[in-house]
Full PDB file with SEQRES, HELIX, SHEET, SSBOND, CRYST1, ORIGX, SCALE, CONECT and MASTER records, all heavy atoms in Angstrom:
SEQRES   1 A   32  ALA ASP ALA GLY TRP ARG GLY ILE GLU ALA LEU LEU PRO          
SEQRES   2 A   32  GLN TYR HIS ALA THR SER VAL TYR ASP TYR LYS ALA VAL          
SEQRES   3 A   32  GLN ASP THR TYR GLN PHE                                      
HELIX    1 AA1 ARG A    6  TYR A   15  1                                  10    
HELIX    2 AA2 VAL A   20  TYR A   30  1                                  11    
CRYST1    1.000    1.000    1.000  90.00  90.00  90.00 P 1           1          
ORIGX1      1.000000  0.000000  0.000000        0.00000                         
ORIGX2      0.000000  1.000000  0.000000        0.00000                         
ORIGX3      0.000000  0.000000  1.000000        0.00000                         
SCALE1      1.000000  0.000000  0.000000        0.00000                         
SCALE2      0.000000  1.000000  0.000000        0.00000                         
SCALE3      0.000000  0.000000  1.000000        0.00000                         
ATOM      1  N   ALA A   1      86.743  78.538  88.603  1.00  0.00           N  
ATOM      2  CA  ALA A   1      87.087  78.557  87.198  1.00  0.00           C  
ATOM      3  C   ALA A   1      88.168  77.551  86.895  1.00  0.00           C  
ATOM      4  O   ALA A   1      89.091  77.466  87.688  1.00  0.00           O  
ATOM      5  CB  ALA A   1      87.370  79.941  86.821  1.00  0.00           C  
ATOM      6  N   ASP A   2      88.053  76.888  85.798  1.00  0.00           N  
ATOM      7  CA  ASP A   2      89.046  75.940  85.376  1.00  0.00           C  
ATOM      8  C   ASP A   2      90.339  76.706  84.973  1.00  0.00           C  
ATOM      9  O   ASP A   2      90.365  77.553  84.154  1.00  0.00           O  
ATOM     10  CB  ASP A   2      88.539  75.181  84.181  1.00  0.00           C  
ATOM     11  CG  ASP A   2      89.573  74.163  83.689  1.00  0.00           C  
ATOM     12  OD1 ASP A   2      90.557  73.919  84.320  1.00  0.00           O  
ATOM     13  OD2 ASP A   2      89.347  73.541  82.572  1.00  0.00           O  
ATOM     14  N   ALA A   3      91.462  76.402  85.659  1.00  0.00           N  
ATOM     15  CA  ALA A   3      92.655  77.144  85.423  1.00  0.00           C  
ATOM     16  C   ALA A   3      93.239  76.788  84.050  1.00  0.00           C  
ATOM     17  O   ALA A   3      93.767  77.621  83.312  1.00  0.00           O  
ATOM     18  CB  ALA A   3      93.719  76.849  86.524  1.00  0.00           C  
ATOM     19  N   GLY A   4      93.089  75.521  83.671  1.00  0.00           N  
ATOM     20  CA  GLY A   4      93.632  75.095  82.336  1.00  0.00           C  
ATOM     21  C   GLY A   4      95.086  75.396  82.168  1.00  0.00           C  
ATOM     22  O   GLY A   4      95.879  75.548  83.037  1.00  0.00           O  
ATOM     23  N   TRP A   5      95.429  75.601  80.896  1.00  0.00           N  
ATOM     24  CA  TRP A   5      96.812  75.931  80.457  1.00  0.00           C  
ATOM     25  C   TRP A   5      96.908  77.414  79.952  1.00  0.00           C  
ATOM     26  O   TRP A   5      97.906  77.835  79.315  1.00  0.00           O  
ATOM     27  CB  TRP A   5      97.266  75.003  79.331  1.00  0.00           C  
ATOM     28  CG  TRP A   5      97.452  73.629  79.782  1.00  0.00           C  
ATOM     29  CD1 TRP A   5      96.563  72.617  79.839  1.00  0.00           C  
ATOM     30  CD2 TRP A   5      98.643  73.164  80.459  1.00  0.00           C  
ATOM     31  NE1 TRP A   5      97.098  71.505  80.360  1.00  0.00           N  
ATOM     32  CE2 TRP A   5      98.420  71.736  80.855  1.00  0.00           C  
ATOM     33  CE3 TRP A   5      99.882  73.654  80.818  1.00  0.00           C  
ATOM     34  CZ2 TRP A   5      99.305  70.976  81.451  1.00  0.00           C  
ATOM     35  CZ3 TRP A   5     100.798  72.881  81.474  1.00  0.00           C  
ATOM     36  CH2 TRP A   5     100.525  71.465  81.825  1.00  0.00           C  
ATOM     37  N   ARG A   6      95.872  78.189  80.255  1.00  0.00           N  
ATOM     38  CA  ARG A   6      95.864  79.598  79.677  1.00  0.00           C  
ATOM     39  C   ARG A   6      97.013  80.327  80.163  1.00  0.00           C  
ATOM     40  O   ARG A   6      97.592  81.206  79.423  1.00  0.00           O  
ATOM     41  CB  ARG A   6      94.636  80.255  80.055  1.00  0.00           C  
ATOM     42  CG  ARG A   6      93.322  79.561  79.520  1.00  0.00           C  
ATOM     43  CD  ARG A   6      92.052  80.435  79.696  1.00  0.00           C  
ATOM     44  NE  ARG A   6      91.849  81.063  80.927  1.00  0.00           N  
ATOM     45  CZ  ARG A   6      91.433  80.476  82.100  1.00  0.00           C  
ATOM     46  NH1 ARG A   6      91.127  79.126  81.995  1.00  0.00           N  
ATOM     47  NH2 ARG A   6      91.288  81.101  83.135  1.00  0.00           N  
ATOM     48  N   GLY A   7      97.444  80.230  81.438  1.00  0.00           N  
ATOM     49  CA  GLY A   7      98.620  80.948  81.933  1.00  0.00           C  
ATOM     50  C   GLY A   7      99.905  80.684  81.249  1.00  0.00           C  
ATOM     51  O   GLY A   7     100.732  81.524  81.047  1.00  0.00           O  
ATOM     52  N   ILE A   8     100.035  79.402  80.810  1.00  0.00           N  
ATOM     53  CA  ILE A   8     101.238  78.923  80.064  1.00  0.00           C  
ATOM     54  C   ILE A   8     101.149  79.463  78.688  1.00  0.00           C  
ATOM     55  O   ILE A   8     102.164  80.031  78.116  1.00  0.00           O  
ATOM     56  CB  ILE A   8     101.419  77.435  80.046  1.00  0.00           C  
ATOM     57  CG1 ILE A   8     101.442  76.904  81.458  1.00  0.00           C  
ATOM     58  CG2 ILE A   8     102.648  77.033  79.282  1.00  0.00           C  
ATOM     59  CD1 ILE A   8     102.637  77.480  82.282  1.00  0.00           C  
ATOM     60  N   GLU A   9      99.984  79.376  78.021  1.00  0.00           N  
ATOM     61  CA  GLU A   9      99.826  79.929  76.607  1.00  0.00           C  
ATOM     62  C   GLU A   9      99.981  81.347  76.546  1.00  0.00           C  
ATOM     63  O   GLU A   9     100.337  81.855  75.474  1.00  0.00           O  
ATOM     64  CB  GLU A   9      98.400  79.455  76.179  1.00  0.00           C  
ATOM     65  CG  GLU A   9      98.262  77.958  76.065  1.00  0.00           C  
ATOM     66  CD  GLU A   9      96.809  77.511  75.977  1.00  0.00           C  
ATOM     67  OE1 GLU A   9      95.915  78.426  76.194  1.00  0.00           O  
ATOM     68  OE2 GLU A   9      96.522  76.334  75.738  1.00  0.00           O  
ATOM     69  N   ALA A  10      99.757  82.064  77.517  1.00  0.00           N  
ATOM     70  CA  ALA A  10      99.791  83.574  77.595  1.00  0.00           C  
ATOM     71  C   ALA A  10     101.228  84.047  77.767  1.00  0.00           C  
ATOM     72  O   ALA A  10     101.453  85.320  77.479  1.00  0.00           O  
ATOM     73  CB  ALA A  10      98.914  84.183  78.632  1.00  0.00           C  
ATOM     74  N   LEU A  11     102.128  83.207  78.285  1.00  0.00           N  
ATOM     75  CA  LEU A  11     103.469  83.739  78.626  1.00  0.00           C  
ATOM     76  C   LEU A  11     104.183  84.445  77.518  1.00  0.00           C  
ATOM     77  O   LEU A  11     104.560  85.623  77.676  1.00  0.00           O  
ATOM     78  CB  LEU A  11     104.268  82.627  79.226  1.00  0.00           C  
ATOM     79  CG  LEU A  11     103.937  82.163  80.623  1.00  0.00           C  
ATOM     80  CD1 LEU A  11     104.914  80.974  80.950  1.00  0.00           C  
ATOM     81  CD2 LEU A  11     104.062  83.311  81.603  1.00  0.00           C  
ATOM     82  N   LEU A  12     104.369  83.810  76.356  1.00  0.00           N  
ATOM     83  CA  LEU A  12     105.165  84.421  75.327  1.00  0.00           C  
ATOM     84  C   LEU A  12     104.434  85.656  74.790  1.00  0.00           C  
ATOM     85  O   LEU A  12     105.102  86.672  74.543  1.00  0.00           O  
ATOM     86  CB  LEU A  12     105.494  83.407  74.230  1.00  0.00           C  
ATOM     87  CG  LEU A  12     106.685  82.499  74.586  1.00  0.00           C  
ATOM     88  CD1 LEU A  12     106.907  81.517  73.381  1.00  0.00           C  
ATOM     89  CD2 LEU A  12     107.960  83.273  74.827  1.00  0.00           C  
ATOM     90  N   PRO A  13     103.088  85.599  74.462  1.00  0.00           N  
ATOM     91  CA  PRO A  13     102.453  86.774  74.055  1.00  0.00           C  
ATOM     92  C   PRO A  13     102.602  87.980  75.059  1.00  0.00           C  
ATOM     93  O   PRO A  13     102.732  89.111  74.614  1.00  0.00           O  
ATOM     94  CB  PRO A  13     101.019  86.396  73.958  1.00  0.00           C  
ATOM     95  CG  PRO A  13     101.048  84.932  73.694  1.00  0.00           C  
ATOM     96  CD  PRO A  13     102.201  84.420  74.461  1.00  0.00           C  
ATOM     97  N   GLN A  14     102.582  87.714  76.314  1.00  0.00           N  
ATOM     98  CA  GLN A  14     102.797  88.674  77.338  1.00  0.00           C  
ATOM     99  C   GLN A  14     104.124  89.261  77.247  1.00  0.00           C  
ATOM    100  O   GLN A  14     104.398  90.477  77.275  1.00  0.00           O  
ATOM    101  CB  GLN A  14     102.445  88.257  78.695  1.00  0.00           C  
ATOM    102  CG  GLN A  14     102.675  89.247  79.877  1.00  0.00           C  
ATOM    103  CD  GLN A  14     102.145  88.821  81.145  1.00  0.00           C  
ATOM    104  OE1 GLN A  14     100.970  88.424  81.340  1.00  0.00           O  
ATOM    105  NE2 GLN A  14     103.013  88.714  82.177  1.00  0.00           N  
ATOM    106  N   TYR A  15     105.170  88.394  77.184  1.00  0.00           N  
ATOM    107  CA  TYR A  15     106.536  88.877  77.169  1.00  0.00           C  
ATOM    108  C   TYR A  15     106.874  89.569  75.847  1.00  0.00           C  
ATOM    109  O   TYR A  15     107.823  90.371  75.864  1.00  0.00           O  
ATOM    110  CB  TYR A  15     107.483  87.624  77.307  1.00  0.00           C  
ATOM    111  CG  TYR A  15     107.415  86.930  78.654  1.00  0.00           C  
ATOM    112  CD1 TYR A  15     107.873  85.626  78.837  1.00  0.00           C  
ATOM    113  CD2 TYR A  15     106.781  87.575  79.694  1.00  0.00           C  
ATOM    114  CE1 TYR A  15     107.824  84.913  79.975  1.00  0.00           C  
ATOM    115  CE2 TYR A  15     106.722  86.877  80.961  1.00  0.00           C  
ATOM    116  CZ  TYR A  15     107.212  85.577  81.135  1.00  0.00           C  
ATOM    117  OH  TYR A  15     107.079  84.938  82.288  1.00  0.00           O  
ATOM    118  N   HIS A  16     106.138  89.357  74.823  1.00  0.00           N  
ATOM    119  CA  HIS A  16     106.371  90.017  73.486  1.00  0.00           C  
ATOM    120  C   HIS A  16     105.546  91.273  73.315  1.00  0.00           C  
ATOM    121  O   HIS A  16     105.742  92.006  72.335  1.00  0.00           O  
ATOM    122  CB  HIS A  16     105.949  88.978  72.327  1.00  0.00           C  
ATOM    123  CG  HIS A  16     106.950  87.921  72.183  1.00  0.00           C  
ATOM    124  ND1 HIS A  16     106.683  86.808  71.489  1.00  0.00           N  
ATOM    125  CD2 HIS A  16     108.234  87.679  72.609  1.00  0.00           C  
ATOM    126  CE1 HIS A  16     107.686  85.945  71.510  1.00  0.00           C  
ATOM    127  NE2 HIS A  16     108.668  86.498  72.243  1.00  0.00           N  
ATOM    128  N   ALA A  17     104.775  91.617  74.343  1.00  0.00           N  
ATOM    129  CA  ALA A  17     103.971  92.835  74.254  1.00  0.00           C  
ATOM    130  C   ALA A  17     104.913  94.095  74.225  1.00  0.00           C  
ATOM    131  O   ALA A  17     105.912  94.128  74.869  1.00  0.00           O  
ATOM    132  CB  ALA A  17     103.035  92.950  75.462  1.00  0.00           C  
ATOM    133  N   THR A  18     104.627  94.992  73.300  1.00  0.00           N  
ATOM    134  CA  THR A  18     105.472  96.204  73.252  1.00  0.00           C  
ATOM    135  C   THR A  18     104.677  97.483  73.755  1.00  0.00           C  
ATOM    136  O   THR A  18     105.279  98.599  73.663  1.00  0.00           O  
ATOM    137  CB  THR A  18     105.815  96.435  71.768  1.00  0.00           C  
ATOM    138  OG1 THR A  18     104.665  96.596  70.964  1.00  0.00           O  
ATOM    139  CG2 THR A  18     106.720  95.294  71.204  1.00  0.00           C  
ATOM    140  N   SER A  19     103.474  97.336  74.214  1.00  0.00           N  
ATOM    141  CA  SER A  19     102.722  98.495  74.753  1.00  0.00           C  
ATOM    142  C   SER A  19     101.643  97.897  75.676  1.00  0.00           C  
ATOM    143  O   SER A  19     101.402  96.691  75.771  1.00  0.00           O  
ATOM    144  CB  SER A  19     102.085  99.239  73.661  1.00  0.00           C  
ATOM    145  OG  SER A  19     100.990  98.430  73.129  1.00  0.00           O  
ATOM    146  N   VAL A  20     101.095  98.760  76.524  1.00  0.00           N  
ATOM    147  CA  VAL A  20     100.052  98.314  77.374  1.00  0.00           C  
ATOM    148  C   VAL A  20      98.792  97.877  76.627  1.00  0.00           C  
ATOM    149  O   VAL A  20      98.015  97.075  77.105  1.00  0.00           O  
ATOM    150  CB  VAL A  20      99.656  99.445  78.482  1.00  0.00           C  
ATOM    151  CG1 VAL A  20     100.832  99.738  79.319  1.00  0.00           C  
ATOM    152  CG2 VAL A  20      99.103 100.627  77.737  1.00  0.00           C  
ATOM    153  N   TYR A  21      98.698  98.348  75.426  1.00  0.00           N  
ATOM    154  CA  TYR A  21      97.566  97.933  74.603  1.00  0.00           C  
ATOM    155  C   TYR A  21      97.741  96.457  74.241  1.00  0.00           C  
ATOM    156  O   TYR A  21      96.839  95.665  74.221  1.00  0.00           O  
ATOM    157  CB  TYR A  21      97.460  98.800  73.350  1.00  0.00           C  
ATOM    158  CG  TYR A  21      97.082 100.287  73.651  1.00  0.00           C  
ATOM    159  CD1 TYR A  21      98.084 101.250  73.828  1.00  0.00           C  
ATOM    160  CD2 TYR A  21      95.786 100.610  73.900  1.00  0.00           C  
ATOM    161  CE1 TYR A  21      97.814 102.520  74.129  1.00  0.00           C  
ATOM    162  CE2 TYR A  21      95.455 101.930  74.200  1.00  0.00           C  
ATOM    163  CZ  TYR A  21      96.533 102.863  74.357  1.00  0.00           C  
ATOM    164  OH  TYR A  21      96.133 104.212  74.667  1.00  0.00           O  
ATOM    165  N   ASP A  22      98.957  96.086  73.847  1.00  0.00           N  
ATOM    166  CA  ASP A  22      99.281  94.616  73.653  1.00  0.00           C  
ATOM    167  C   ASP A  22      99.060  93.839  74.896  1.00  0.00           C  
ATOM    168  O   ASP A  22      98.461  92.729  74.829  1.00  0.00           O  
ATOM    169  CB  ASP A  22     100.757  94.464  73.188  1.00  0.00           C  
ATOM    170  CG  ASP A  22     100.975  95.083  71.805  1.00  0.00           C  
ATOM    171  OD1 ASP A  22     100.019  95.346  71.096  1.00  0.00           O  
ATOM    172  OD2 ASP A  22     102.182  95.275  71.513  1.00  0.00           O  
ATOM    173  N   TYR A  23      99.554  94.383  76.017  1.00  0.00           N  
ATOM    174  CA  TYR A  23      99.386  93.606  77.236  1.00  0.00           C  
ATOM    175  C   TYR A  23      97.890  93.515  77.619  1.00  0.00           C  
ATOM    176  O   TYR A  23      97.561  92.399  77.973  1.00  0.00           O  
ATOM    177  CB  TYR A  23     100.092  94.467  78.370  1.00  0.00           C  
ATOM    178  CG  TYR A  23     100.166  93.781  79.654  1.00  0.00           C  
ATOM    179  CD1 TYR A  23     101.164  92.878  79.984  1.00  0.00           C  
ATOM    180  CD2 TYR A  23      99.231  93.996  80.675  1.00  0.00           C  
ATOM    181  CE1 TYR A  23     101.263  92.308  81.241  1.00  0.00           C  
ATOM    182  CE2 TYR A  23      99.285  93.420  81.824  1.00  0.00           C  
ATOM    183  CZ  TYR A  23     100.362  92.602  82.211  1.00  0.00           C  
ATOM    184  OH  TYR A  23     100.409  91.898  83.404  1.00  0.00           O  
ATOM    185  N   LYS A  24      97.125  94.539  77.435  1.00  0.00           N  
ATOM    186  CA  LYS A  24      95.700  94.424  77.635  1.00  0.00           C  
ATOM    187  C   LYS A  24      95.079  93.364  76.759  1.00  0.00           C  
ATOM    188  O   LYS A  24      94.237  92.567  77.245  1.00  0.00           O  
ATOM    189  CB  LYS A  24      95.066  95.747  77.356  1.00  0.00           C  
ATOM    190  CG  LYS A  24      93.497  95.688  77.644  1.00  0.00           C  
ATOM    191  CD  LYS A  24      92.873  97.119  77.340  1.00  0.00           C  
ATOM    192  CE  LYS A  24      91.452  97.184  77.700  1.00  0.00           C  
ATOM    193  NZ  LYS A  24      90.580  96.150  76.987  1.00  0.00           N  
ATOM    194  N   ALA A  25      95.490  93.227  75.497  1.00  0.00           N  
ATOM    195  CA  ALA A  25      94.944  92.238  74.645  1.00  0.00           C  
ATOM    196  C   ALA A  25      95.196  90.806  75.235  1.00  0.00           C  
ATOM    197  O   ALA A  25      94.332  89.976  75.076  1.00  0.00           O  
ATOM    198  CB  ALA A  25      95.440  92.452  73.250  1.00  0.00           C  
ATOM    199  N   VAL A  26      96.420  90.586  75.703  1.00  0.00           N  
ATOM    200  CA  VAL A  26      96.749  89.365  76.152  1.00  0.00           C  
ATOM    201  C   VAL A  26      95.863  88.984  77.419  1.00  0.00           C  
ATOM    202  O   VAL A  26      95.383  87.900  77.583  1.00  0.00           O  
ATOM    203  CB  VAL A  26      98.275  89.192  76.554  1.00  0.00           C  
ATOM    204  CG1 VAL A  26      98.572  88.001  77.323  1.00  0.00           C  
ATOM    205  CG2 VAL A  26      99.065  89.411  75.416  1.00  0.00           C  
ATOM    206  N   GLN A  27      95.737  89.945  78.306  1.00  0.00           N  
ATOM    207  CA  GLN A  27      94.869  89.708  79.517  1.00  0.00           C  
ATOM    208  C   GLN A  27      93.433  89.462  79.115  1.00  0.00           C  
ATOM    209  O   GLN A  27      92.781  88.548  79.755  1.00  0.00           O  
ATOM    210  CB  GLN A  27      94.995  90.941  80.471  1.00  0.00           C  
ATOM    211  CG  GLN A  27      96.433  91.275  80.935  1.00  0.00           C  
ATOM    212  CD  GLN A  27      97.116  90.099  81.563  1.00  0.00           C  
ATOM    213  OE1 GLN A  27      96.576  89.424  82.416  1.00  0.00           O  
ATOM    214  NE2 GLN A  27      98.366  89.931  81.185  1.00  0.00           N  
ATOM    215  N   ASP A  28      92.903  90.180  78.177  1.00  0.00           N  
ATOM    216  CA  ASP A  28      91.521  90.054  77.755  1.00  0.00           C  
ATOM    217  C   ASP A  28      91.312  88.636  77.121  1.00  0.00           C  
ATOM    218  O   ASP A  28      90.253  88.047  77.259  1.00  0.00           O  
ATOM    219  CB  ASP A  28      91.157  91.119  76.817  1.00  0.00           C  
ATOM    220  CG  ASP A  28      90.966  92.466  77.440  1.00  0.00           C  
ATOM    221  OD1 ASP A  28      91.111  92.579  78.675  1.00  0.00           O  
ATOM    222  OD2 ASP A  28      90.795  93.524  76.717  1.00  0.00           O  
ATOM    223  N   THR A  29      92.330  88.243  76.353  1.00  0.00           N  
ATOM    224  CA  THR A  29      92.151  86.939  75.587  1.00  0.00           C  
ATOM    225  C   THR A  29      92.205  85.740  76.508  1.00  0.00           C  
ATOM    226  O   THR A  29      91.414  84.841  76.418  1.00  0.00           O  
ATOM    227  CB  THR A  29      93.309  86.829  74.579  1.00  0.00           C  
ATOM    228  OG1 THR A  29      93.151  87.902  73.649  1.00  0.00           O  
ATOM    229  CG2 THR A  29      93.164  85.478  73.792  1.00  0.00           C  
ATOM    230  N   TYR A  30      93.218  85.740  77.489  1.00  0.00           N  
ATOM    231  CA  TYR A  30      93.458  84.535  78.241  1.00  0.00           C  
ATOM    232  C   TYR A  30      92.814  84.561  79.671  1.00  0.00           C  
ATOM    233  O   TYR A  30      92.562  83.488  80.284  1.00  0.00           O  
ATOM    234  CB  TYR A  30      94.945  84.278  78.373  1.00  0.00           C  
ATOM    235  CG  TYR A  30      95.662  84.024  77.042  1.00  0.00           C  
ATOM    236  CD1 TYR A  30      96.275  84.972  76.304  1.00  0.00           C  
ATOM    237  CD2 TYR A  30      95.582  82.659  76.569  1.00  0.00           C  
ATOM    238  CE1 TYR A  30      96.848  84.643  75.075  1.00  0.00           C  
ATOM    239  CE2 TYR A  30      96.183  82.373  75.385  1.00  0.00           C  
ATOM    240  CZ  TYR A  30      96.887  83.362  74.636  1.00  0.00           C  
ATOM    241  OH  TYR A  30      97.409  83.087  73.450  1.00  0.00           O  
ATOM    242  N   GLN A  31      92.651  85.739  80.248  1.00  0.00           N  
ATOM    243  CA  GLN A  31      92.034  85.869  81.564  1.00  0.00           C  
ATOM    244  C   GLN A  31      92.579  84.776  82.485  1.00  0.00           C  
ATOM    245  O   GLN A  31      91.867  84.049  83.103  1.00  0.00           O  
ATOM    246  CB  GLN A  31      90.500  85.747  81.439  1.00  0.00           C  
ATOM    247  CG  GLN A  31      89.859  86.869  80.741  1.00  0.00           C  
ATOM    248  CD  GLN A  31      88.330  86.854  80.808  1.00  0.00           C  
ATOM    249  OE1 GLN A  31      87.648  86.301  80.031  1.00  0.00           O  
ATOM    250  NE2 GLN A  31      87.723  87.465  81.907  1.00  0.00           N  
ATOM    251  N   PHE A  32      93.855  84.741  82.657  1.00  0.00           N  
ATOM    252  CA  PHE A  32      94.518  83.754  83.474  1.00  0.00           C  
ATOM    253  C   PHE A  32      94.965  84.248  84.807  1.00  0.00           C  
ATOM    254  O   PHE A  32      95.218  83.458  85.722  1.00  0.00           O  
ATOM    255  CB  PHE A  32      95.689  83.127  82.734  1.00  0.00           C  
ATOM    256  CG  PHE A  32      96.807  84.102  82.517  1.00  0.00           C  
ATOM    257  CD1 PHE A  32      97.985  84.103  83.288  1.00  0.00           C  
ATOM    258  CD2 PHE A  32      96.811  85.012  81.495  1.00  0.00           C  
ATOM    259  CE1 PHE A  32      99.018  84.962  83.136  1.00  0.00           C  
ATOM    260  CE2 PHE A  32      97.865  85.927  81.291  1.00  0.00           C  
ATOM    261  CZ  PHE A  32      98.889  85.885  82.090  1.00  0.00           C  
TER     262      PHE A  32                                                      
MASTER        0    0    0    2    0    0    0    6  261    1    0    3          
END                                                                             
């Protein structure tokens, strides 16, 4: 799979998550 920049793009959304539901949404969106 192409790694791309998804891991970089997901950093701030992951760090700003306030619940595991937010965290899950980041993982689902970027799959990095």
